Amino acid sequence: MQNNLNDPASFELVEYGNLANRTPMERAFVLITNECIKKHKSDSIDVYLQRFKDNYTKQGKDPYEVIGKEMSCKYRANNAYGAKILNEQTFVFDPQLNEIVNVE
């Protein structure tokens, strides 16, 4: 938070989510769902997920392998103008929980 907030001292935690596993299938589900909704496709999400799973398996990879952990965080902090705003971000950790590798 120290490096990413305009005013780190203004940070107020609202809520943390549960720590969850991140797998290729989970990421595919999120991306495919968002894409189908954005393009208003009537194709079944299950069809796309099955294609992803089949392709991933053909490469000799496990689509359910844990590739990291994630946790959502809802907080308030001051923006650049000093106004308190509500933010929600997902923090992505490496599988051993040693470091944050991405913030979404």
C-alpha atoms as a PDB file:
ATOM      1  CA  MET A   1       0.000   0.000   0.000  1.00  0.00           C
ATOM      2  CA  GLN A   2       2.891   2.293   0.805  1.00  0.00           C
ATOM      3  CA  ASN A   3       3.975   2.360  -2.848  1.00  0.00           C
ATOM      4  CA  ASN A   4       0.536   2.493  -4.477  1.00  0.00           C
ATOM      5  CA  LEU A   5      -1.578   4.972  -2.517  1.00  0.00           C
ATOM      6  CA  ASN A   6      -1.512   8.755  -2.838  1.00  0.00           C
ATOM      7  CA  ASP A   7      -1.828   9.045   0.945  1.00  0.00           C
ATOM      8  CA  PRO A   8      -0.848   5.756   2.643  1.00  0.00           C
ATOM      9  CA  ALA A   9      -1.600   7.211   6.097  1.00  0.00           C
ATOM     10  CA  SER A  10      -5.279   7.572   5.099  1.00  0.00           C
ATOM     11  CA  PHE A  11      -5.709   3.803   4.535  1.00  0.00           C
ATOM     12  CA  GLU A  12      -8.786   2.330   6.277  1.00  0.00           C
ATOM     13  CA  LEU A  13      -9.448  -1.385   5.901  1.00  0.00           C
ATOM     14  CA  VAL A  14     -13.077  -2.219   5.136  1.00  0.00           C
ATOM     15  CA  GLU A  15     -12.904  -5.935   4.428  1.00  0.00           C
ATOM     16  CA  TYR A  16     -10.547  -8.732   3.413  1.00  0.00           C
ATOM     17  CA  GLY A  17     -11.772 -11.660   1.344  1.00  0.00           C
ATOM     18  CA  ASN A  18     -10.777 -15.280   1.880  1.00  0.00           C
ATOM     19  CA  LEU A  19      -7.437 -16.532   0.643  1.00  0.00           C
ATOM     20  CA  ALA A  20      -8.178 -18.661  -2.437  1.00  0.00           C
ATOM     21  CA  ASN A  21      -6.220 -20.824  -4.836  1.00  0.00           C
ATOM     22  CA  ARG A  22      -5.595 -19.495  -8.321  1.00  0.00           C
ATOM     23  CA  THR A  23      -5.597 -22.072 -11.110  1.00  0.00           C
ATOM     24  CA  PRO A  24      -5.495 -21.807 -14.904  1.00  0.00           C
ATOM     25  CA  MET A  25      -9.137 -22.981 -15.051  1.00  0.00           C
ATOM     26  CA  GLU A  26     -10.212 -20.294 -12.588  1.00  0.00           C
ATOM     27  CA  ARG A  27      -8.483 -17.597 -14.633  1.00  0.00           C
ATOM     28  CA  ALA A  28      -9.956 -18.988 -17.861  1.00  0.00           C
ATOM     29  CA  PHE A  29     -13.436 -18.896 -16.318  1.00  0.00           C
ATOM     30  CA  VAL A  30     -13.091 -15.226 -15.366  1.00  0.00           C
ATOM     31  CA  LEU A  31     -11.673 -14.194 -18.748  1.00  0.00           C
ATOM     32  CA  ILE A  32     -14.143 -16.245 -20.798  1.00  0.00           C
ATOM     33  CA  THR A  33     -17.129 -15.077 -18.754  1.00  0.00           C
ATOM     34  CA  ASN A  34     -16.120 -11.417 -19.070  1.00  0.00           C
ATOM     35  CA  GLU A  35     -15.535 -11.783 -22.816  1.00  0.00           C
ATOM     36  CA  CYS A  36     -18.883 -13.525 -23.409  1.00  0.00           C
ATOM     37  CA  ILE A  37     -20.751 -10.882 -21.416  1.00  0.00           C
ATOM     38  CA  LYS A  38     -18.908  -8.028 -23.146  1.00  0.00           C
ATOM     39  CA  LYS A  39     -19.641  -9.373 -26.629  1.00  0.00           C
ATOM     40  CA  HIS A  40     -23.147 -10.627 -25.731  1.00  0.00           C
ATOM     41  CA  LYS A  41     -22.327 -14.069 -27.055  1.00  0.00           C
ATOM     42  CA  SER A  42     -24.950 -16.716 -26.560  1.00  0.00           C
ATOM     43  CA  ASP A  43     -22.369 -19.512 -26.830  1.00  0.00           C
ATOM     44  CA  SER A  44     -22.071 -21.657 -23.760  1.00  0.00           C
ATOM     45  CA  ILE A  45     -19.266 -20.735 -21.401  1.00  0.00           C
ATOM     46  CA  ASP A  46     -18.913 -24.461 -20.723  1.00  0.00           C
ATOM     47  CA  VAL A  47     -17.925 -25.065 -24.367  1.00  0.00           C
ATOM     48  CA  TYR A  48     -15.127 -22.502 -24.152  1.00  0.00           C
ATOM     49  CA  LEU A  49     -13.938 -23.851 -20.808  1.00  0.00           C
ATOM     50  CA  GLN A  50     -13.845 -27.385 -22.165  1.00  0.00           C
ATOM     51  CA  ARG A  51     -11.793 -26.213 -25.159  1.00  0.00           C
ATOM     52  CA  PHE A  52      -9.377 -24.434 -22.839  1.00  0.00           C
ATOM     53  CA  LYS A  53      -9.086 -27.501 -20.605  1.00  0.00           C
ATOM     54  CA  ASP A  54      -8.512 -29.819 -23.589  1.00  0.00           C
ATOM     55  CA  ASN A  55      -5.830 -27.559 -25.070  1.00  0.00           C
ATOM     56  CA  TYR A  56      -4.088 -27.133 -21.725  1.00  0.00           C
ATOM     57  CA  THR A  57      -4.124 -30.897 -21.140  1.00  0.00           C
ATOM     58  CA  LYS A  58      -2.743 -31.568 -24.641  1.00  0.00           C
ATOM     59  CA  GLN A  59       0.267 -29.470 -23.649  1.00  0.00           C
ATOM     60  CA  GLY A  60       0.866 -31.829 -20.738  1.00  0.00           C
ATOM     61  CA  LYS A  61      -0.215 -29.286 -18.142  1.00  0.00           C
ATOM     62  CA  ASP A  62      -2.683 -29.675 -15.285  1.00  0.00           C
ATOM     63  CA  PRO A  63      -5.464 -27.053 -15.660  1.00  0.00           C
ATOM     64  CA  TYR A  64      -6.221 -27.341 -11.930  1.00  0.00           C
ATOM     65  CA  GLU A  65      -2.647 -26.865 -10.721  1.00  0.00           C
ATOM     66  CA  VAL A  66      -2.369 -24.128  -8.105  1.00  0.00           C
ATOM     67  CA  ILE A  67      -0.330 -21.365  -9.728  1.00  0.00           C
ATOM     68  CA  GLY A  68      -0.797 -18.860  -6.924  1.00  0.00           C
ATOM     69  CA  LYS A  69      -3.108 -17.533  -4.243  1.00  0.00           C
ATOM     70  CA  GLU A  70      -5.386 -14.507  -4.272  1.00  0.00           C
ATOM     71  CA  MET A  71      -7.195 -12.344  -1.773  1.00  0.00           C
ATOM     72  CA  SER A  72      -9.494  -9.392  -2.289  1.00  0.00           C
ATOM     73  CA  CYS A  73      -9.214  -6.271  -0.177  1.00  0.00           C
ATOM     74  CA  LYS A  74     -11.764  -3.481   0.143  1.00  0.00           C
ATOM     75  CA  TYR A  75     -10.458  -0.250   1.646  1.00  0.00           C
ATOM     76  CA  ARG A  76     -10.859   3.517   1.785  1.00  0.00           C
ATOM     77  CA  ALA A  77      -8.018   5.923   1.105  1.00  0.00           C
ATOM     78  CA  ASN A  78      -7.543   9.493  -0.003  1.00  0.00           C
ATOM     79  CA  ASN A  79      -7.154  10.118  -3.721  1.00  0.00           C
ATOM     80  CA  ALA A  80      -4.844  12.755  -5.215  1.00  0.00           C
ATOM     81  CA  TYR A  81      -7.387  15.483  -4.339  1.00  0.00           C
ATOM     82  CA  GLY A  82      -7.675  14.415  -0.697  1.00  0.00           C
ATOM     83  CA  ALA A  83     -11.143  12.903  -1.049  1.00  0.00           C
ATOM     84  CA  LYS A  84     -11.725   9.550   0.641  1.00  0.00           C
ATOM     85  CA  ILE A  85     -12.703   6.898  -1.946  1.00  0.00           C
ATOM     86  CA  LEU A  86     -13.640   3.243  -1.678  1.00  0.00           C
ATOM     87  CA  ASN A  87     -11.388   0.831  -3.563  1.00  0.00           C
ATOM     88  CA  GLU A  88     -11.414  -2.915  -4.088  1.00  0.00           C
ATOM     89  CA  GLN A  89      -8.397  -4.805  -5.369  1.00  0.00           C
ATOM     90  CA  THR A  90      -7.351  -8.413  -5.667  1.00  0.00           C
ATOM     91  CA  PHE A  91      -3.846  -9.240  -4.539  1.00  0.00           C
ATOM     92  CA  VAL A  92      -2.206 -12.186  -6.289  1.00  0.00           C
ATOM     93  CA  PHE A  93       0.523 -14.029  -4.386  1.00  0.00           C
ATOM     94  CA  ASP A  94       3.034 -16.646  -5.434  1.00  0.00           C
ATOM     95  CA  PRO A  95       2.075 -20.218  -4.374  1.00  0.00           C
ATOM     96  CA  GLN A  96       4.299 -20.039  -1.261  1.00  0.00           C
ATOM     97  CA  LEU A  97       2.817 -16.658  -0.179  1.00  0.00           C
ATOM     98  CA  ASN A  98       6.259 -15.045  -0.194  1.00  0.00           C
ATOM     99  CA  GLU A  99       5.406 -12.057  -2.354  1.00  0.00           C
ATOM    100  CA  ILE A 100       2.644 -10.211  -4.161  1.00  0.00           C
ATOM    101  CA  VAL A 101       3.103 -10.822  -7.889  1.00  0.00           C
ATOM    102  CA  ASN A 102       0.162  -8.817  -9.203  1.00  0.00           C
ATOM    103  CA  VAL A 103      -2.585  -6.426  -8.132  1.00  0.00           C
ATOM    104  CA  GLU A 104      -5.830  -6.414 -10.093  1.00  0.00           C
END
